[in-house]
Amino acid sequence: MDILALLLMGLVFVASLVIQGGLQATFARFSRVANNRGLTGAEVARAILDAHGLSHVRVEPVPGALTDHYDPHAKAVRLSEPNYASPSLAALAVAAHEVGHAVQDAHGYTWLRVRASLWPAASLGTNLGPILVVVGLMLGAIGLAKLGLYLYLAVALFQLVTLPVEFDASRRALEFLRRMGFLSQQEMAPARQVLTWAALTYVAALASSLATILYYASLLMGRREE
């Protein structure tokens, strides 16, 4: 069982690398292609927010690459500095996606609320779960190891709930870009590719967590059989 779990983890790891490579290659490719209207990511984000009555939501640049996110507490769409100022197809896709989260927040999107409620447990599971599993196994404290496994399950649950949140934000983003005329029909395909590869990274993260859980469970089962 341990060997099968390790093989699964290896396969998931390789798949994750492929997906990350695909995202980076696709993003790099379409970061070099400007949209026909010459609009920047910040301009498109601002226009979509205003069109949805969200003029109070700020659009701000943040350092780094692919650090784009929506902060529901600060009510701010934060775009990485390259995407903030860039007129590329990739920048517009990412900006519209993050605005999708802002619209979800404004409309009380159910899965976004569920994900927010799971965040404390998932954060605890990420930081403490693996430690408890390893320490519990080393000390022969099966109960402690099981507690760590249960905490790590919260991580997988958080990632599972993240999928509909991210897929819905991408769906909204493509609709914004099409309906508001920011991208032509020909430009929509590259934007869809960028968002598809980005969505696959969340699928890979969930698969990785599930494989890790299976591995931890196999170690616990093996220890109990000794």
C-alpha atoms as a PDB file:
ATOM      1  CA  MET A   1       0.000   0.000   0.000  1.00  0.00           C
ATOM      2  CA  ASP A   2       2.855   2.386   0.862  1.00  0.00           C
ATOM      3  CA  ILE A   3       4.488   1.760  -2.516  1.00  0.00           C
ATOM      4  CA  LEU A   4       1.230   2.365  -4.399  1.00  0.00           C
ATOM      5  CA  ALA A   5       0.649   5.562  -2.454  1.00  0.00           C
ATOM      6  CA  LEU A   6       4.180   6.739  -3.216  1.00  0.00           C
ATOM      7  CA  LEU A   7       3.706   5.942  -6.903  1.00  0.00           C
ATOM      8  CA  LEU A   8       0.476   7.916  -6.921  1.00  0.00           C
ATOM      9  CA  MET A   9       2.201  10.848  -5.249  1.00  0.00           C
ATOM     10  CA  GLY A  10       4.927  10.657  -7.867  1.00  0.00           C
ATOM     11  CA  LEU A  11       2.431  10.662 -10.719  1.00  0.00           C
ATOM     12  CA  VAL A  12       0.569  13.607  -9.223  1.00  0.00           C
ATOM     13  CA  PHE A  13       3.853  15.459  -8.749  1.00  0.00           C
ATOM     14  CA  VAL A  14       4.794  14.942 -12.400  1.00  0.00           C
ATOM     15  CA  ALA A  15       1.316  16.001 -13.534  1.00  0.00           C
ATOM     16  CA  SER A  16       1.591  19.129 -11.385  1.00  0.00           C
ATOM     17  CA  LEU A  17       4.907  20.007 -13.015  1.00  0.00           C
ATOM     18  CA  VAL A  18       3.363  19.557 -16.460  1.00  0.00           C
ATOM     19  CA  ILE A  19       0.429  21.786 -15.535  1.00  0.00           C
ATOM     20  CA  GLN A  20       2.685  24.462 -14.039  1.00  0.00           C
ATOM     21  CA  GLY A  21       4.816  24.336 -17.167  1.00  0.00           C
ATOM     22  CA  GLY A  22       1.750  24.628 -19.358  1.00  0.00           C
ATOM     23  CA  LEU A  23       0.482  27.614 -17.383  1.00  0.00           C
ATOM     24  CA  GLN A  24       3.818  29.405 -17.465  1.00  0.00           C
ATOM     25  CA  ALA A  25       4.306  28.762 -21.184  1.00  0.00           C
ATOM     26  CA  THR A  26       0.760  29.855 -22.071  1.00  0.00           C
ATOM     27  CA  PHE A  27       0.946  32.913 -19.844  1.00  0.00           C
ATOM     28  CA  ALA A  28       4.345  33.899 -21.237  1.00  0.00           C
ATOM     29  CA  ARG A  29       3.109  33.462 -24.805  1.00  0.00           C
ATOM     30  CA  PHE A  30       0.029  35.624 -24.424  1.00  0.00           C
ATOM     31  CA  SER A  31       1.776  38.146 -22.198  1.00  0.00           C
ATOM     32  CA  ARG A  32       3.539  39.210 -25.373  1.00  0.00           C
ATOM     33  CA  VAL A  33       0.307  39.705 -27.341  1.00  0.00           C
ATOM     34  CA  ALA A  34      -1.486  43.020 -26.797  1.00  0.00           C
ATOM     35  CA  ASN A  35      -5.250  43.309 -27.076  1.00  0.00           C
ATOM     36  CA  ASN A  36      -6.624  45.253 -30.026  1.00  0.00           C
ATOM     37  CA  ARG A  37      -7.981  48.071 -27.873  1.00  0.00           C
ATOM     38  CA  GLY A  38      -4.715  48.627 -25.999  1.00  0.00           C
ATOM     39  CA  LEU A  39      -6.393  48.459 -22.582  1.00  0.00           C
ATOM     40  CA  THR A  40      -4.368  47.508 -19.514  1.00  0.00           C
ATOM     41  CA  GLY A  41      -5.340  44.964 -16.899  1.00  0.00           C
ATOM     42  CA  ALA A  42      -6.018  47.765 -14.409  1.00  0.00           C
ATOM     43  CA  GLU A  43      -8.265  49.636 -16.845  1.00  0.00           C
ATOM     44  CA  VAL A  44     -10.326  46.560 -17.630  1.00  0.00           C
ATOM     45  CA  ALA A  45     -10.646  45.618 -13.957  1.00  0.00           C
ATOM     46  CA  ARG A  46     -11.812  49.139 -13.111  1.00  0.00           C
ATOM     47  CA  ALA A  47     -14.333  49.209 -15.950  1.00  0.00           C
ATOM     48  CA  ILE A  48     -15.872  45.829 -15.029  1.00  0.00           C
ATOM     49  CA  LEU A  49     -16.109  46.769 -11.345  1.00  0.00           C
ATOM     50  CA  ASP A  50     -17.800  50.075 -12.153  1.00  0.00           C
ATOM     51  CA  ALA A  51     -20.226  48.354 -14.526  1.00  0.00           C
ATOM     52  CA  HIS A  52     -21.309  46.102 -11.646  1.00  0.00           C
ATOM     53  CA  GLY A  53     -21.760  48.925  -9.154  1.00  0.00           C
ATOM     54  CA  LEU A  54     -18.527  48.122  -7.318  1.00  0.00           C
ATOM     55  CA  SER A  55     -16.869  51.527  -7.526  1.00  0.00           C
ATOM     56  CA  HIS A  56     -15.842  51.145  -3.874  1.00  0.00           C
ATOM     57  CA  VAL A  57     -13.593  48.173  -4.720  1.00  0.00           C
ATOM     58  CA  ARG A  58     -10.050  49.374  -5.348  1.00  0.00           C
ATOM     59  CA  VAL A  59      -7.685  48.129  -8.068  1.00  0.00           C
ATOM     60  CA  GLU A  60      -4.120  48.060  -6.789  1.00  0.00           C
ATOM     61  CA  PRO A  61      -0.731  46.828  -8.071  1.00  0.00           C
ATOM     62  CA  VAL A  62       1.253  44.322  -6.001  1.00  0.00           C
ATOM     63  CA  PRO A  63       4.879  43.195  -6.457  1.00  0.00           C
ATOM     64  CA  GLY A  64       5.747  39.866  -8.005  1.00  0.00           C
ATOM     65  CA  ALA A  65       4.532  37.705 -10.862  1.00  0.00           C
ATOM     66  CA  LEU A  66       1.178  35.876 -10.772  1.00  0.00           C
ATOM     67  CA  THR A  67       0.510  37.344  -7.322  1.00  0.00           C
ATOM     68  CA  ASP A  68      -2.904  38.547  -8.498  1.00  0.00           C
ATOM     69  CA  HIS A  69      -5.750  38.097  -6.011  1.00  0.00           C
ATOM     70  CA  TYR A  70      -8.921  39.607  -4.610  1.00  0.00           C
ATOM     71  CA  ASP A  71      -8.862  40.674  -0.955  1.00  0.00           C
ATOM     72  CA  PRO A  72     -12.440  40.442   0.387  1.00  0.00           C
ATOM     73  CA  HIS A  73     -11.535  42.151   3.659  1.00  0.00           C
ATOM     74  CA  ALA A  74      -9.922  45.197   2.058  1.00  0.00           C
ATOM     75  CA  LYS A  75     -12.356  45.108  -0.899  1.00  0.00           C
ATOM     76  CA  ALA A  76      -9.462  45.356  -3.313  1.00  0.00           C
ATOM     77  CA  VAL A  77      -8.536  43.654  -6.573  1.00  0.00           C
ATOM     78  CA  ARG A  78      -4.770  43.354  -6.465  1.00  0.00           C
ATOM     79  CA  LEU A  79      -2.973  42.739  -9.739  1.00  0.00           C
ATOM     80  CA  SER A  80       0.688  41.842 -10.077  1.00  0.00           C
ATOM     81  CA  GLU A  81       2.624  44.822 -11.387  1.00  0.00           C
ATOM     82  CA  PRO A  82       3.132  43.319 -14.880  1.00  0.00           C
ATOM     83  CA  ASN A  83      -0.592  42.566 -15.275  1.00  0.00           C
ATOM     84  CA  TYR A  84      -1.656  45.888 -13.760  1.00  0.00           C
ATOM     85  CA  ALA A  85       0.079  47.950 -16.431  1.00  0.00           C
ATOM     86  CA  SER A  86       0.100  45.476 -19.320  1.00  0.00           C
ATOM     87  CA  PRO A  87      -2.302  45.504 -22.297  1.00  0.00           C
ATOM     88  CA  SER A  88      -1.630  41.810 -22.967  1.00  0.00           C
ATOM     89  CA  LEU A  89      -4.337  39.203 -23.483  1.00  0.00           C
ATOM     90  CA  ALA A  90      -3.002  37.304 -20.478  1.00  0.00           C
ATOM     91  CA  ALA A  91      -3.219  40.401 -18.258  1.00  0.00           C
ATOM     92  CA  LEU A  92      -6.833  41.049 -19.246  1.00  0.00           C
ATOM     93  CA  ALA A  93      -7.813  37.430 -18.582  1.00  0.00           C
ATOM     94  CA  VAL A  94      -6.247  37.493 -15.118  1.00  0.00           C
ATOM     95  CA  ALA A  95      -7.688  40.907 -14.255  1.00  0.00           C
ATOM     96  CA  ALA A  96     -11.192  39.859 -15.280  1.00  0.00           C
ATOM     97  CA  HIS A  97     -10.833  36.639 -13.263  1.00  0.00           C
ATOM     98  CA  GLU A  98      -9.950  38.525 -10.075  1.00  0.00           C
ATOM     99  CA  VAL A  99     -12.866  40.887 -10.646  1.00  0.00           C
ATOM    100  CA  GLY A 100     -14.984  37.740 -10.930  1.00  0.00           C
ATOM    101  CA  HIS A 101     -14.142  37.053  -7.284  1.00  0.00           C
ATOM    102  CA  ALA A 102     -15.141  40.597  -6.339  1.00  0.00           C
ATOM    103  CA  VAL A 103     -18.511  40.096  -8.043  1.00  0.00           C
ATOM    104  CA  GLN A 104     -18.910  36.751  -6.258  1.00  0.00           C
ATOM    105  CA  ASP A 105     -18.271  38.524  -2.960  1.00  0.00           C
ATOM    106  CA  ALA A 106     -20.772  41.265  -3.739  1.00  0.00           C
ATOM    107  CA  HIS A 107     -23.451  38.730  -4.664  1.00  0.00           C
ATOM    108  CA  GLY A 108     -22.810  36.487  -1.663  1.00  0.00           C
ATOM    109  CA  TYR A 109     -21.708  33.540  -3.802  1.00  0.00           C
ATOM    110  CA  THR A 110     -22.284  30.451  -1.655  1.00  0.00           C
ATOM    111  CA  TRP A 111     -19.091  28.552  -2.372  1.00  0.00           C
ATOM    112  CA  LEU A 112     -16.986  31.650  -1.705  1.00  0.00           C
ATOM    113  CA  ARG A 113     -18.562  31.911   1.750  1.00  0.00           C
ATOM    114  CA  VAL A 114     -18.053  28.222   2.412  1.00  0.00           C
ATOM    115  CA  ARG A 115     -14.403  28.487   1.401  1.00  0.00           C
ATOM    116  CA  ALA A 116     -13.886  31.466   3.708  1.00  0.00           C
ATOM    117  CA  SER A 117     -15.394  29.513   6.603  1.00  0.00           C
ATOM    118  CA  LEU A 118     -13.013  26.606   5.944  1.00  0.00           C
ATOM    119  CA  TRP A 119      -9.889  28.746   5.732  1.00  0.00           C
ATOM    120  CA  PRO A 120      -8.966  28.683   9.480  1.00  0.00           C
ATOM    121  CA  ALA A 121      -9.151  24.873   9.607  1.00  0.00           C
ATOM    122  CA  ALA A 122      -7.294  24.528   6.309  1.00  0.00           C
ATOM    123  CA  SER A 123      -4.552  26.872   7.469  1.00  0.00           C
ATOM    124  CA  LEU A 124      -4.165  24.874  10.676  1.00  0.00           C
ATOM    125  CA  GLY A 125      -4.143  21.635   8.702  1.00  0.00           C
ATOM    126  CA  THR A 126      -1.465  22.894   6.319  1.00  0.00           C
ATOM    127  CA  ASN A 127       0.869  24.009   9.104  1.00  0.00           C
ATOM    128  CA  LEU A 128       0.169  21.426  11.794  1.00  0.00           C
ATOM    129  CA  GLY A 129      -1.298  18.339  10.117  1.00  0.00           C
ATOM    130  CA  PRO A 130       1.886  16.843   8.582  1.00  0.00           C
ATOM    131  CA  ILE A 131       3.876  17.592  11.757  1.00  0.00           C
ATOM    132  CA  LEU A 132       1.395  15.721  13.941  1.00  0.00           C
ATOM    133  CA  VAL A 133       1.357  12.758  11.555  1.00  0.00           C
ATOM    134  CA  VAL A 134       5.155  12.462  11.516  1.00  0.00           C
ATOM    135  CA  VAL A 135       5.608  13.038  15.255  1.00  0.00           C
ATOM    136  CA  GLY A 136       2.757  10.665  16.075  1.00  0.00           C
ATOM    137  CA  LEU A 137       4.273   7.912  13.941  1.00  0.00           C
ATOM    138  CA  MET A 138       7.747   8.462  15.396  1.00  0.00           C
ATOM    139  CA  LEU A 139       6.443   8.267  18.972  1.00  0.00           C
ATOM    140  CA  GLY A 140       4.010   5.481  18.276  1.00  0.00           C
ATOM    141  CA  ALA A 141       1.166   7.820  19.253  1.00  0.00           C
ATOM    142  CA  ILE A 142      -1.407   6.687  16.705  1.00  0.00           C
ATOM    143  CA  GLY A 143      -4.073   8.999  18.095  1.00  0.00           C
ATOM    144  CA  LEU A 144      -1.840  12.018  17.540  1.00  0.00           C
ATOM    145  CA  ALA A 145      -1.041  10.880  14.005  1.00  0.00           C
ATOM    146  CA  LYS A 146      -4.743  10.398  13.278  1.00  0.00           C
ATOM    147  CA  LEU A 147      -5.440  13.910  14.533  1.00  0.00           C
ATOM    148  CA  GLY A 148      -2.852  15.227  12.087  1.00  0.00           C
ATOM    149  CA  LEU A 149      -4.492  13.248   9.287  1.00  0.00           C
ATOM    150  CA  TYR A 150      -7.920  14.674  10.133  1.00  0.00           C
ATOM    151  CA  LEU A 151      -6.487  18.195  10.169  1.00  0.00           C
ATOM    152  CA  TYR A 152      -4.949  17.620   6.758  1.00  0.00           C
ATOM    153  CA  LEU A 153      -8.322  16.454   5.469  1.00  0.00           C
ATOM    154  CA  ALA A 154      -9.485  20.043   6.043  1.00  0.00           C
ATOM    155  CA  VAL A 155      -6.877  21.146   3.496  1.00  0.00           C
ATOM    156  CA  ALA A 156      -8.307  18.825   0.862  1.00  0.00           C
ATOM    157  CA  LEU A 157     -11.844  19.936   1.666  1.00  0.00           C
ATOM    158  CA  PHE A 158     -10.804  23.582   1.281  1.00  0.00           C
ATOM    159  CA  GLN A 159      -9.202  22.806  -2.067  1.00  0.00           C
ATOM    160  CA  LEU A 160     -12.283  20.895  -3.197  1.00  0.00           C
ATOM    161  CA  VAL A 161     -14.522  23.869  -2.423  1.00  0.00           C
ATOM    162  CA  THR A 162     -12.012  26.141  -4.170  1.00  0.00           C
ATOM    163  CA  LEU A 163     -12.712  24.440  -7.510  1.00  0.00           C
ATOM    164  CA  PRO A 164     -16.244  25.804  -8.070  1.00  0.00           C
ATOM    165  CA  VAL A 165     -15.091  29.218  -6.808  1.00  0.00           C
ATOM    166  CA  GLU A 166     -12.266  29.398  -9.337  1.00  0.00           C
ATOM    167  CA  PHE A 167     -14.201  27.864 -12.232  1.00  0.00           C
ATOM    168  CA  ASP A 168     -17.072  30.279 -11.670  1.00  0.00           C
ATOM    169  CA  ALA A 169     -14.709  33.281 -11.527  1.00  0.00           C
ATOM    170  CA  SER A 170     -13.178  32.230 -14.852  1.00  0.00           C
ATOM    171  CA  ARG A 171     -16.621  31.752 -16.390  1.00  0.00           C
ATOM    172  CA  ARG A 172     -17.594  35.241 -15.254  1.00  0.00           C
ATOM    173  CA  ALA A 173     -14.296  36.655 -16.532  1.00  0.00           C
ATOM    174  CA  LEU A 174     -14.819  35.329 -20.041  1.00  0.00           C
ATOM    175  CA  GLU A 175     -18.384  36.638 -20.045  1.00  0.00           C
ATOM    176  CA  PHE A 176     -17.201  40.096 -18.922  1.00  0.00           C
ATOM    177  CA  LEU A 177     -14.540  40.243 -21.624  1.00  0.00           C
ATOM    178  CA  ARG A 178     -16.926  39.097 -24.346  1.00  0.00           C
ATOM    179  CA  ARG A 179     -20.070  40.977 -23.372  1.00  0.00           C
ATOM    180  CA  MET A 180     -18.332  44.284 -22.646  1.00  0.00           C
ATOM    181  CA  GLY A 181     -16.342  44.089 -25.885  1.00  0.00           C
ATOM    182  CA  PHE A 182     -12.869  44.173 -24.369  1.00  0.00           C
ATOM    183  CA  LEU A 183     -11.741  41.259 -26.534  1.00  0.00           C
ATOM    184  CA  SER A 184     -12.653  40.274 -30.063  1.00  0.00           C
ATOM    185  CA  GLN A 185     -13.856  36.787 -30.913  1.00  0.00           C
ATOM    186  CA  GLN A 186     -10.337  35.837 -32.016  1.00  0.00           C
ATOM    187  CA  GLU A 187      -8.840  37.159 -28.784  1.00  0.00           C
ATOM    188  CA  MET A 188     -11.222  35.183 -26.581  1.00  0.00           C
ATOM    189  CA  ALA A 189      -9.537  31.849 -27.333  1.00  0.00           C
ATOM    190  CA  PRO A 190      -6.148  32.852 -25.856  1.00  0.00           C
ATOM    191  CA  ALA A 191      -7.860  34.299 -22.776  1.00  0.00           C
ATOM    192  CA  ARG A 192      -9.732  31.020 -22.330  1.00  0.00           C
ATOM    193  CA  GLN A 193      -6.467  29.077 -22.617  1.00  0.00           C
ATOM    194  CA  VAL A 194      -4.817  31.155 -19.890  1.00  0.00           C
ATOM    195  CA  LEU A 195      -7.742  30.672 -17.513  1.00  0.00           C
ATOM    196  CA  THR A 196      -8.028  26.957 -18.284  1.00  0.00           C
ATOM    197  CA  TRP A 197      -4.398  26.299 -17.417  1.00  0.00           C
ATOM    198  CA  ALA A 198      -4.768  28.382 -14.261  1.00  0.00           C
ATOM    199  CA  ALA A 199      -7.826  26.337 -13.235  1.00  0.00           C
ATOM    200  CA  LEU A 200      -5.907  23.100 -13.738  1.00  0.00           C
ATOM    201  CA  THR A 201      -3.391  24.175 -11.091  1.00  0.00           C
ATOM    202  CA  TYR A 202      -6.191  24.030  -8.501  1.00  0.00           C
ATOM    203  CA  VAL A 203      -7.156  20.555  -9.683  1.00  0.00           C
ATOM    204  CA  ALA A 204      -3.520  19.481  -9.345  1.00  0.00           C
ATOM    205  CA  ALA A 205      -3.322  20.938  -5.831  1.00  0.00           C
ATOM    206  CA  LEU A 206      -6.366  18.923  -4.768  1.00  0.00           C
ATOM    207  CA  ALA A 207      -4.970  15.752  -6.346  1.00  0.00           C
ATOM    208  CA  SER A 208      -1.684  16.301  -4.521  1.00  0.00           C
ATOM    209  CA  SER A 209      -3.443  16.684  -1.164  1.00  0.00           C
ATOM    210  CA  LEU A 210      -5.545  13.564  -1.754  1.00  0.00           C
ATOM    211  CA  ALA A 211      -2.429  11.562  -2.670  1.00  0.00           C
ATOM    212  CA  THR A 212      -0.699  12.821   0.483  1.00  0.00           C
ATOM    213  CA  ILE A 213      -3.696  11.829   2.593  1.00  0.00           C
ATOM    214  CA  LEU A 214      -3.660   8.365   1.053  1.00  0.00           C
ATOM    215  CA  TYR A 215       0.035   8.049   1.854  1.00  0.00           C
ATOM    216  CA  TYR A 216      -0.449   9.147   5.464  1.00  0.00           C
ATOM    217  CA  ALA A 217      -3.381   6.741   5.815  1.00  0.00           C
ATOM    218  CA  SER A 218      -1.273   3.872   4.456  1.00  0.00           C
ATOM    219  CA  LEU A 219       1.456   4.637   7.017  1.00  0.00           C
ATOM    220  CA  LEU A 220      -1.116   4.632   9.815  1.00  0.00           C
ATOM    221  CA  MET A 221      -2.606   1.349   8.642  1.00  0.00           C
ATOM    222  CA  GLY A 222       0.850  -0.203   8.459  1.00  0.00           C
ATOM    223  CA  ARG A 223       1.721   0.956  11.963  1.00  0.00           C
ATOM    224  CA  ARG A 224      -1.524  -0.411  13.392  1.00  0.00           C
ATOM    225  CA  GLU A 225      -0.842  -3.803  11.814  1.00  0.00           C
ATOM    226  CA  GLU A 226       2.563  -4.086  13.475  1.00  0.00           C
END
